[in-house]
Every structure is written in structure tokens, then in C-alpha cells.
Amino acid sequence: MHEKKVSWLELFYDLLFVAAVSKATHVLLHVEHNSISVEHLLKFILIFVPIWWAWVGQSVYINRFGHDSNAQRLFMIVQLFFVLIMTASLDVDFDSNYLPFFVGYIGLRSLTAVQYVLSSRTETAHRQKTARFLAASFGLGIVISCFSLFFDSPVRYLFLYAGIAVDIIVPLLGRKILVKTPIHTAHLLERFALFTLILLGESVVSMLSVLQSYKFTGSSVLFAALAFLLVIAIWWQYFENVEKHVDKSKQTAGQSLIYGHLFIYFSLSMIAASIQLLFVDQLEYVFMLCFAFGSVLIYYISVMFILYQYKFNHLRPSFTVVTLLTGILCALFTLDLFIAASPHLILGELMLFFIIFAKATA
């Protein structure tokens, strides 16, 4: 399989998703009655999933069929306009901005589906079958979502997300077809790694928010320093593995890589929110503890799952390492549950866990 490199336009494409990710993360900062309501947690998921899937759809198409031609560049440039529309519509009051969100999202997905249709006309054999399958499944998801225009809230959201669910689930059912047109693992890993950097950037924004809001007090500087070390530890753990310890020549349908990263991205957004929420100390203690450690747990499980699938066999984490890391995380959570810890101490514990996690796996 020939080497595929990330193009400059792909990097620019990622850049425009920064604002969308930031708006999704901001939903988690809405504190009511010392907790984040179920409504806001659900809104975060419902906003984040379409952002992720729109980005994944085009990224995976380019990975399998892209050629950095003028036609592909034109498609991506038009998609960037729809990204702007979708991003501008993202808000906690989701209902009032539904139409522009719908136009932005469906515009993105439709252009990706059209590209698969065009590829199905030029490709042959199994590659043609893969393109036709994905064009049909994405087209079905788009049609189902379009029915949402004929209904008011909340019924329209049932149709919108039913279509998105079809979009996401049908490729899983067609794995036997997709594996015959394997992904370029090195290229897709690089694409996901670049998007991971975007999510880590949200934690940097949280650090800046702490420093700017509290005028560089001793407490805020110490907290920001701990948060900085936490982000560095996450970066070390993730990128050391991606760069040196995974088998980039492996040929698969890429589904564990694709779907596993959804939960990595969920967790990184939650960690970014946790940094700010810990410092302002507005959440009820047990809720804050569960939210912060829960976000780390989601990251830990997701990364371990991907590492097991793509890491070289002799470098895969042993049962002893997995048991040790799980035990450390559970022990820190249990200790804080029974002995109240300060926000600085909780953040320091999370930092310590990621340092150990990085050392043990990278």
C-alpha cells in the first residue's frame, strides 16, 4: 500500500473544527444547583457526536479514496463553509438554531456521500463495492435525518439522530465489505492525532481561563502549573504510543481506531471542562469527583482498547500493567471519596496517574 501524507488543506480543515469543539466543551461548564444537569450532559453528547462524525466522514473518505486533486479540494472548501454554518449554530439553546445546524451538518454529510458516489464510478472491484456501500448507507442516514424538517421539537430530534445513528452503525455492520478496502493506518493515525491536539488545546484554554480570571494569584498559578503538567502527561502518553509503538502497516477496516477515538475525544473535552470546574469549586464534591475521575477512566479504557488493537504484539500492555493502572485510579478515587481533597490535590492526583500511565505504556 502506497504512503499517504496529510495535505495542507486537511490541516486547515481540522483548524475550522476547533471552534465547534470549543462550543461543545463549553456546554459542560453550565453549572446548576452545584451539578451539571442531565440535560446539559445530553446536549454535550448530542452536539459533539455530529461534529465528530462530520469530521470522521470526510477524513476517512480521503484516507481511502482521496487524491488531493482540484475536485477534492473544491469539495473540501465548500465543506468548510458548511462547518462555519454548523459551528455558528451551536448553542445551549439548541432548538432555536436547529435549521442552520441542520443545513451545516447535512451539507457536510451530503458532500461526503457525493464523493463516494463519484468514486464508485471510477473505482473497480472491491474498492468500487466499498464506495457504493458507504454512499448508500450515508445516503440512507441523510434521508432519515431530512424527515426531521417536517416535525417540531422533540420529534424532529428523533429523526435527526436516527439518521446519524444509521450513519454510524451501518458501517459497523458492513465490516466484511470495508476490510477489503483497508485504511491507510499511518495516515489515519496522523489525522486522529492532529484532532487530539485540538482537544488538548481546550485544556490549555482552561488553564488560561484560570490564570486570567484570578489575576495570577499563588493558588491560580499553582493550579495552572498542575494542569499544564497534566496536559503534558496526556500528550506524552498518547503521542509517544502513536509515534513509536503502534503498527502503522496494519491493514484493517479501521473501526476500532475510528470509534475508539470518539470516547477519547469525549474524555478530553470532559478533562478540559474539569480543569475549570475544579478550580471554581462550584460543583458538589462527590459529583465533581465522579466527573473528573470518570473523564480519566473513559480516556484510559479507550486508549487501552486501541493500544491492544494496534500496538506491536510484544509492546501490548500486560495484564499486570492493566491491573496496576486500574488499581491506582480506583485507589485514588476511593481515597478522595472518603477523605475530602482540595481541587489542587485532585488535579495533582490525576496528573500523577497520567505520568504513571505514560511511563507504563510508552
Protein backbone atom coordinates (compact mmCIF):
# COMPACT_ATOMS: atom_id res chain seq x y z
CA MET A 1 0.00 0.00 0.00
CA HIS A 2 1.48 3.38 -1.02
CA GLU A 3 2.25 6.01 1.58
CA LYS A 4 -0.39 8.71 2.02
CA LYS A 5 0.52 12.07 3.52
CA VAL A 6 -1.69 14.60 5.27
CA SER A 7 -2.28 17.59 2.99
CA TRP A 8 -2.20 21.25 3.99
CA LEU A 9 -5.90 21.53 3.21
CA GLU A 10 -6.64 18.70 5.63
CA LEU A 11 -4.79 20.64 8.34
CA PHE A 12 -6.84 23.74 7.54
CA TYR A 13 -9.97 21.60 7.58
CA ASP A 14 -9.11 20.49 11.12
CA LEU A 15 -8.50 24.07 12.19
CA LEU A 16 -12.08 25.10 11.46
CA PHE A 17 -13.35 22.36 13.75
CA VAL A 18 -11.54 23.98 16.70
CA ALA A 19 -14.39 26.44 17.30
CA ALA A 20 -17.00 23.68 17.05
CA VAL A 21 -15.18 21.55 19.63
CA SER A 22 -14.79 24.58 21.89
CA LYS A 23 -18.52 25.30 21.79
CA ALA A 24 -19.36 21.69 22.58
CA THR A 25 -16.98 21.69 25.56
CA HIS A 26 -18.45 24.96 26.80
CA VAL A 27 -21.81 23.22 27.32
CA LEU A 28 -20.22 21.26 30.18
CA LEU A 29 -19.44 24.49 32.04
CA HIS A 30 -23.11 25.24 32.75
CA VAL A 31 -23.46 24.56 36.48
CA GLU A 32 -26.91 24.49 38.06
CA HIS A 33 -27.57 23.64 41.71
CA ASN A 34 -23.95 22.51 42.21
CA SER A 35 -24.03 19.98 39.38
CA ILE A 36 -24.12 19.64 35.62
CA SER A 37 -27.68 18.74 34.73
CA VAL A 38 -28.56 15.62 32.78
CA GLU A 39 -29.94 17.97 30.12
CA HIS A 40 -26.56 19.66 29.62
CA LEU A 41 -24.67 16.36 29.65
CA LEU A 42 -27.06 15.05 26.99
CA LYS A 43 -26.73 18.25 24.96
CA PHE A 44 -22.95 17.90 25.07
CA ILE A 45 -23.20 14.39 23.63
CA LEU A 46 -25.80 15.37 21.01
CA ILE A 47 -23.68 18.32 19.88
CA PHE A 48 -20.33 16.53 19.99
CA VAL A 49 -21.31 13.36 18.08
CA PRO A 50 -22.35 15.17 14.84
CA ILE A 51 -19.16 17.28 14.97
CA TRP A 52 -17.04 14.14 15.36
CA TRP A 53 -18.93 12.18 12.70
CA ALA A 54 -18.84 15.01 10.15
CA TRP A 55 -15.08 15.27 10.63
CA VAL A 56 -14.56 11.49 10.57
CA GLY A 57 -16.68 11.06 7.43
CA GLN A 58 -14.51 13.29 5.26
CA SER A 59 -11.25 12.20 6.88
CA VAL A 60 -11.90 8.51 6.24
CA TYR A 61 -13.04 9.21 2.67
CA ILE A 62 -9.76 10.99 1.96
CA ASN A 63 -7.89 8.15 3.65
CA ARG A 64 -9.41 5.52 1.35
CA PHE A 65 -10.11 7.37 -1.89
CA GLY A 66 -8.59 10.86 -1.71
CA HIS A 67 -6.02 12.08 -4.24
CA ASP A 68 -5.56 15.78 -3.33
CA SER A 69 -6.96 16.73 -6.74
CA ASN A 70 -8.58 20.06 -7.62
CA ALA A 71 -12.02 18.42 -7.45
CA GLN A 72 -11.38 17.09 -3.96
CA ARG A 73 -10.06 20.47 -2.84
CA LEU A 74 -13.22 22.13 -4.15
CA PHE A 75 -15.40 19.69 -2.22
CA MET A 76 -13.45 20.37 0.98
CA ILE A 77 -13.55 24.14 0.54
CA VAL A 78 -17.34 24.03 0.16
CA GLN A 79 -17.49 21.76 3.21
CA LEU A 80 -15.56 24.35 5.20
CA PHE A 81 -18.39 26.80 4.58
CA PHE A 82 -20.88 24.29 5.99
CA VAL A 83 -18.57 23.80 9.00
CA LEU A 84 -18.84 27.53 9.67
CA ILE A 85 -22.64 27.41 9.46
CA MET A 86 -22.84 24.41 11.79
CA THR A 87 -20.39 25.93 14.28
CA ALA A 88 -22.21 29.28 14.37
CA SER A 89 -25.46 27.48 15.21
CA LEU A 90 -24.08 25.53 18.20
CA ASP A 91 -25.60 26.78 21.43
CA VAL A 92 -27.12 25.53 24.68
CA ASP A 93 -30.44 26.74 23.29
CA PHE A 94 -30.16 24.15 20.54
CA ASP A 95 -33.80 24.36 19.45
CA SER A 96 -33.70 28.00 18.33
CA ASN A 97 -30.76 27.34 15.98
CA TYR A 98 -31.91 23.99 14.64
CA LEU A 99 -32.26 24.96 10.95
CA PRO A 100 -28.73 26.39 10.48
CA PHE A 101 -27.30 23.42 12.39
CA PHE A 102 -29.25 21.05 10.14
CA VAL A 103 -28.08 22.84 6.97
CA GLY A 104 -24.46 22.79 8.13
CA TYR A 105 -24.41 19.15 9.18
CA ILE A 106 -26.43 17.74 6.28
CA GLY A 107 -24.40 19.85 3.86
CA LEU A 108 -21.20 18.29 5.18
CA ARG A 109 -22.54 14.74 5.09
CA SER A 110 -24.13 15.15 1.65
CA LEU A 111 -20.86 16.31 0.10
CA THR A 112 -19.07 13.32 1.61
CA ALA A 113 -21.75 10.97 0.24
CA VAL A 114 -21.50 12.56 -3.22
CA GLN A 115 -17.74 11.99 -3.22
CA TYR A 116 -18.34 8.29 -2.52
CA VAL A 117 -20.81 8.16 -5.42
CA LEU A 118 -18.24 9.72 -7.76
CA SER A 119 -15.55 7.32 -6.54
CA SER A 120 -17.84 4.34 -7.15
CA ARG A 121 -17.93 5.33 -10.83
CA THR A 122 -14.15 5.39 -11.22
CA GLU A 123 -13.03 2.59 -8.91
CA THR A 124 -13.19 -1.12 -9.70
CA ALA A 125 -13.60 -4.43 -7.88
CA HIS A 126 -13.71 -4.30 -4.07
CA ARG A 127 -12.92 -0.58 -3.95
CA GLN A 128 -16.00 0.14 -6.06
CA LYS A 129 -18.11 -2.08 -3.80
CA THR A 130 -16.84 -0.22 -0.72
CA ALA A 131 -17.60 3.18 -2.24
CA ARG A 132 -21.11 2.09 -3.25
CA PHE A 133 -21.81 0.62 0.19
CA LEU A 134 -20.75 3.77 2.04
CA ALA A 135 -22.56 6.05 -0.41
CA ALA A 136 -25.78 4.07 0.09
CA SER A 137 -25.52 3.86 3.89
CA PHE A 138 -24.69 7.55 4.29
CA GLY A 139 -27.41 8.48 1.82
CA LEU A 140 -29.93 6.50 3.89
CA GLY A 141 -28.85 8.30 7.05
CA ILE A 142 -29.19 11.69 5.36
CA VAL A 143 -32.70 10.90 4.08
CA ILE A 144 -33.86 9.79 7.54
CA SER A 145 -32.43 12.97 9.10
CA CYS A 146 -34.17 15.11 6.48
CA PHE A 147 -37.57 13.93 7.74
CA SER A 148 -36.86 16.00 10.86
CA LEU A 149 -37.75 19.14 8.89
CA PHE A 150 -41.40 18.08 8.87
CA PHE A 151 -41.73 17.93 12.65
CA ASP A 152 -41.34 20.16 15.67
CA SER A 153 -39.26 19.52 18.75
CA PRO A 154 -38.77 16.94 20.23
CA VAL A 155 -39.90 14.61 17.40
CA ARG A 156 -37.57 16.19 14.87
CA TYR A 157 -34.56 15.26 17.02
CA LEU A 158 -35.66 11.62 16.92
CA PHE A 159 -35.43 11.67 13.12
CA LEU A 160 -32.21 13.72 13.05
CA TYR A 161 -30.34 11.41 15.39
CA ALA A 162 -31.93 8.27 13.99
CA GLY A 163 -30.32 9.23 10.69
CA ILE A 164 -27.00 9.92 12.42
CA ALA A 165 -27.26 6.56 14.21
CA VAL A 166 -27.79 4.79 10.88
CA ASP A 167 -24.76 6.67 9.52
CA ILE A 168 -22.62 5.46 12.40
CA ILE A 169 -23.92 1.89 12.86
CA VAL A 170 -24.31 0.64 9.26
CA PRO A 171 -20.54 0.76 8.52
CA LEU A 172 -20.03 -1.48 11.57
CA LEU A 173 -22.44 -4.00 10.05
CA GLY A 174 -20.57 -3.84 6.75
CA ARG A 175 -17.15 -4.57 8.21
CA LYS A 176 -16.61 -7.57 5.90
CA ILE A 177 -17.00 -5.24 2.91
CA LEU A 178 -14.85 -2.43 4.31
CA VAL A 179 -11.95 -4.63 5.38
CA LYS A 180 -11.36 -5.48 1.71
CA THR A 181 -10.52 -1.80 1.19
CA PRO A 182 -8.33 -1.27 4.25
CA ILE A 183 -7.47 2.12 5.65
CA HIS A 184 -4.03 3.71 5.35
CA THR A 185 -3.26 3.25 9.04
CA ALA A 186 -0.35 5.68 9.27
CA HIS A 187 -2.34 8.47 7.58
CA LEU A 188 -5.48 7.92 9.68
CA LEU A 189 -3.45 7.77 12.90
CA GLU A 190 -1.89 11.10 11.99
CA ARG A 191 -5.32 12.60 11.28
CA PHE A 192 -6.68 11.43 14.64
CA ALA A 193 -3.53 12.60 16.40
CA LEU A 194 -3.93 16.08 14.93
CA PHE A 195 -7.54 16.23 16.13
CA THR A 196 -6.35 15.05 19.54
CA LEU A 197 -4.06 18.09 19.64
CA ILE A 198 -7.14 20.25 19.08
CA LEU A 199 -8.81 18.66 22.10
CA LEU A 200 -5.68 19.12 24.23
CA GLY A 201 -5.81 22.76 23.18
CA GLU A 202 -9.11 23.02 25.05
CA SER A 203 -7.29 22.13 28.26
CA VAL A 204 -4.77 24.87 27.52
CA VAL A 205 -7.67 27.30 27.12
CA SER A 206 -8.96 26.16 30.52
CA MET A 207 -5.57 26.91 32.08
CA LEU A 208 -5.55 30.38 30.57
CA SER A 209 -9.08 30.97 31.84
CA VAL A 210 -8.00 30.12 35.39
CA LEU A 211 -5.00 32.46 35.22
CA GLN A 212 -6.87 35.36 33.61
CA SER A 213 -9.92 35.14 35.86
CA TYR A 214 -7.98 35.10 39.13
CA LYS A 215 -5.21 37.62 38.36
CA PHE A 216 -2.22 35.32 38.81
CA THR A 217 -2.72 34.57 42.49
CA GLY A 218 -0.48 31.96 44.09
CA SER A 219 -3.36 29.49 44.10
CA SER A 220 -4.22 30.03 40.43
CA VAL A 221 -0.57 29.80 39.31
CA LEU A 222 -0.07 26.54 41.21
CA PHE A 223 -3.31 25.13 39.80
CA ALA A 224 -2.35 26.16 36.25
CA ALA A 225 1.08 24.56 36.70
CA LEU A 226 -0.53 21.28 37.78
CA ALA A 227 -2.96 21.47 34.85
CA PHE A 228 -0.05 22.11 32.49
CA LEU A 229 1.80 19.03 33.77
CA LEU A 230 -1.42 17.03 33.39
CA VAL A 231 -1.74 18.05 29.74
CA ILE A 232 1.93 17.26 29.10
CA ALA A 233 1.46 13.81 30.66
CA ILE A 234 -1.58 13.13 28.44
CA TRP A 235 0.37 14.34 25.40
CA TRP A 236 3.32 12.11 26.34
CA GLN A 237 1.15 9.04 26.88
CA TYR A 238 -0.81 9.44 23.64
CA PHE A 239 1.78 10.67 21.16
CA GLU A 240 4.67 8.51 22.32
CA ASN A 241 2.49 5.48 21.59
CA VAL A 242 1.15 6.77 18.28
CA GLU A 243 4.62 7.72 17.07
CA LYS A 244 6.67 4.71 18.14
CA HIS A 245 4.65 1.80 19.47
CA VAL A 246 1.78 1.10 17.06
CA ASP A 247 1.90 -0.98 13.90
CA LYS A 248 1.27 1.56 11.16
CA SER A 249 1.48 -1.08 8.45
CA LYS A 250 -1.51 -2.97 9.82
CA GLN A 251 -4.36 -3.25 7.30
CA THR A 252 -7.84 -3.19 8.82
CA ALA A 253 -11.23 -1.59 8.35
CA GLY A 254 -10.06 0.92 10.97
CA GLN A 255 -13.24 0.72 13.02
CA SER A 256 -11.65 0.29 16.45
CA LEU A 257 -9.46 3.30 15.66
CA ILE A 258 -12.40 5.38 14.45
CA TYR A 259 -14.97 4.56 17.11
CA GLY A 260 -12.44 4.28 19.92
CA HIS A 261 -11.37 7.86 19.31
CA LEU A 262 -14.92 9.10 19.83
CA PHE A 263 -14.55 8.19 23.50
CA ILE A 264 -11.03 9.58 23.68
CA TYR A 265 -12.38 12.88 22.37
CA PHE A 266 -15.32 12.77 24.77
CA SER A 267 -12.92 12.30 27.67
CA LEU A 268 -10.51 15.05 26.59
CA SER A 269 -13.37 17.54 26.38
CA MET A 270 -14.51 16.44 29.84
CA ILE A 271 -10.97 16.78 31.22
CA ALA A 272 -10.75 20.31 29.77
CA ALA A 273 -14.03 21.19 31.48
CA SER A 274 -12.89 19.51 34.70
CA ILE A 275 -9.86 21.80 34.92
CA GLN A 276 -12.05 24.89 35.07
CA LEU A 277 -14.78 23.31 37.19
CA LEU A 278 -12.29 22.06 39.77
CA PHE A 279 -10.80 25.50 40.30
CA VAL A 280 -14.04 27.48 40.55
CA ASP A 281 -15.23 24.80 43.01
CA GLN A 282 -18.95 25.27 42.26
CA LEU A 283 -19.86 21.60 41.92
CA GLU A 284 -20.95 19.34 44.75
CA TYR A 285 -17.84 17.43 45.89
CA VAL A 286 -18.90 13.86 45.04
CA PHE A 287 -20.28 14.95 41.66
CA MET A 288 -17.05 16.77 40.84
CA LEU A 289 -15.01 13.76 41.90
CA CYS A 290 -17.09 11.41 39.72
CA PHE A 291 -16.94 13.79 36.76
CA ALA A 292 -13.17 14.32 36.92
CA PHE A 293 -12.21 10.69 37.56
CA GLY A 294 -14.92 9.49 35.15
CA SER A 295 -13.40 11.50 32.33
CA VAL A 296 -9.98 9.98 33.04
CA LEU A 297 -11.49 6.48 33.22
CA ILE A 298 -13.14 6.91 29.79
CA TYR A 299 -9.81 8.04 28.33
CA TYR A 300 -7.94 5.17 29.99
CA ILE A 301 -10.32 2.45 28.75
CA SER A 302 -10.48 3.89 25.22
CA VAL A 303 -6.73 4.23 24.82
CA MET A 304 -6.07 0.76 26.22
CA PHE A 305 -8.61 -0.68 23.78
CA ILE A 306 -6.92 1.00 20.81
CA LEU A 307 -3.43 0.12 22.03
CA TYR A 308 -4.42 -3.52 22.31
CA GLN A 309 -5.67 -3.49 18.72
CA TYR A 310 -2.82 -1.60 17.06
CA LYS A 311 0.25 -1.89 19.27
CA PHE A 312 3.00 -4.31 18.28
CA ASN A 313 2.32 -7.63 19.99
CA HIS A 314 5.42 -7.54 22.17
CA LEU A 315 4.60 -3.99 23.33
CA ARG A 316 0.96 -4.55 24.29
CA PRO A 317 0.22 -3.75 27.95
CA SER A 318 0.40 -6.89 30.09
CA PHE A 319 -2.35 -7.99 32.44
CA THR A 320 -0.15 -6.88 35.35
CA VAL A 321 0.21 -3.37 33.93
CA VAL A 322 -3.53 -3.07 33.27
CA THR A 323 -4.33 -4.30 36.79
CA LEU A 324 -1.80 -1.91 38.34
CA LEU A 325 -3.08 1.15 36.45
CA THR A 326 -6.72 0.30 37.15
CA GLY A 327 -5.91 -0.24 40.81
CA ILE A 328 -4.11 3.11 41.11
CA LEU A 329 -7.00 5.02 39.54
CA CYS A 330 -9.60 3.25 41.71
CA ALA A 331 -7.48 3.73 44.85
CA LEU A 332 -7.10 7.48 44.26
CA PHE A 333 -10.83 7.86 43.65
CA THR A 334 -11.77 5.83 46.73
CA LEU A 335 -9.33 7.73 48.93
CA ASP A 336 -10.77 11.09 47.80
CA LEU A 337 -14.27 9.76 48.30
CA PHE A 338 -13.67 9.12 51.99
CA ILE A 339 -11.15 11.89 52.71
CA ALA A 340 -12.11 15.22 51.13
CA ALA A 341 -9.32 16.52 48.91
CA SER A 342 -8.72 20.05 47.67
CA PRO A 343 -9.10 20.83 43.93
CA HIS A 344 -5.30 21.21 43.70
CA LEU A 345 -4.77 17.77 45.23
CA ILE A 346 -7.34 16.11 42.94
CA LEU A 347 -5.69 17.66 39.90
CA GLY A 348 -2.29 16.57 41.20
CA GLU A 349 -3.56 13.01 41.58
CA LEU A 350 -4.85 12.97 38.01
CA MET A 351 -1.50 14.33 36.84
CA LEU A 352 0.32 11.61 38.78
CA PHE A 353 -1.88 8.89 37.27
CA PHE A 354 -1.18 10.08 33.72
CA ILE A 355 2.56 10.21 34.38
CA ILE A 356 2.44 6.61 35.61
CA PHE A 357 0.16 5.69 32.68
CA ALA A 358 2.58 7.24 30.20
CA LYS A 359 5.59 5.57 31.79
CA ALA A 360 3.89 2.17 31.89
CA THR A 361 2.61 2.19 28.30
CA ALA A 362 5.03 4.42 26.40
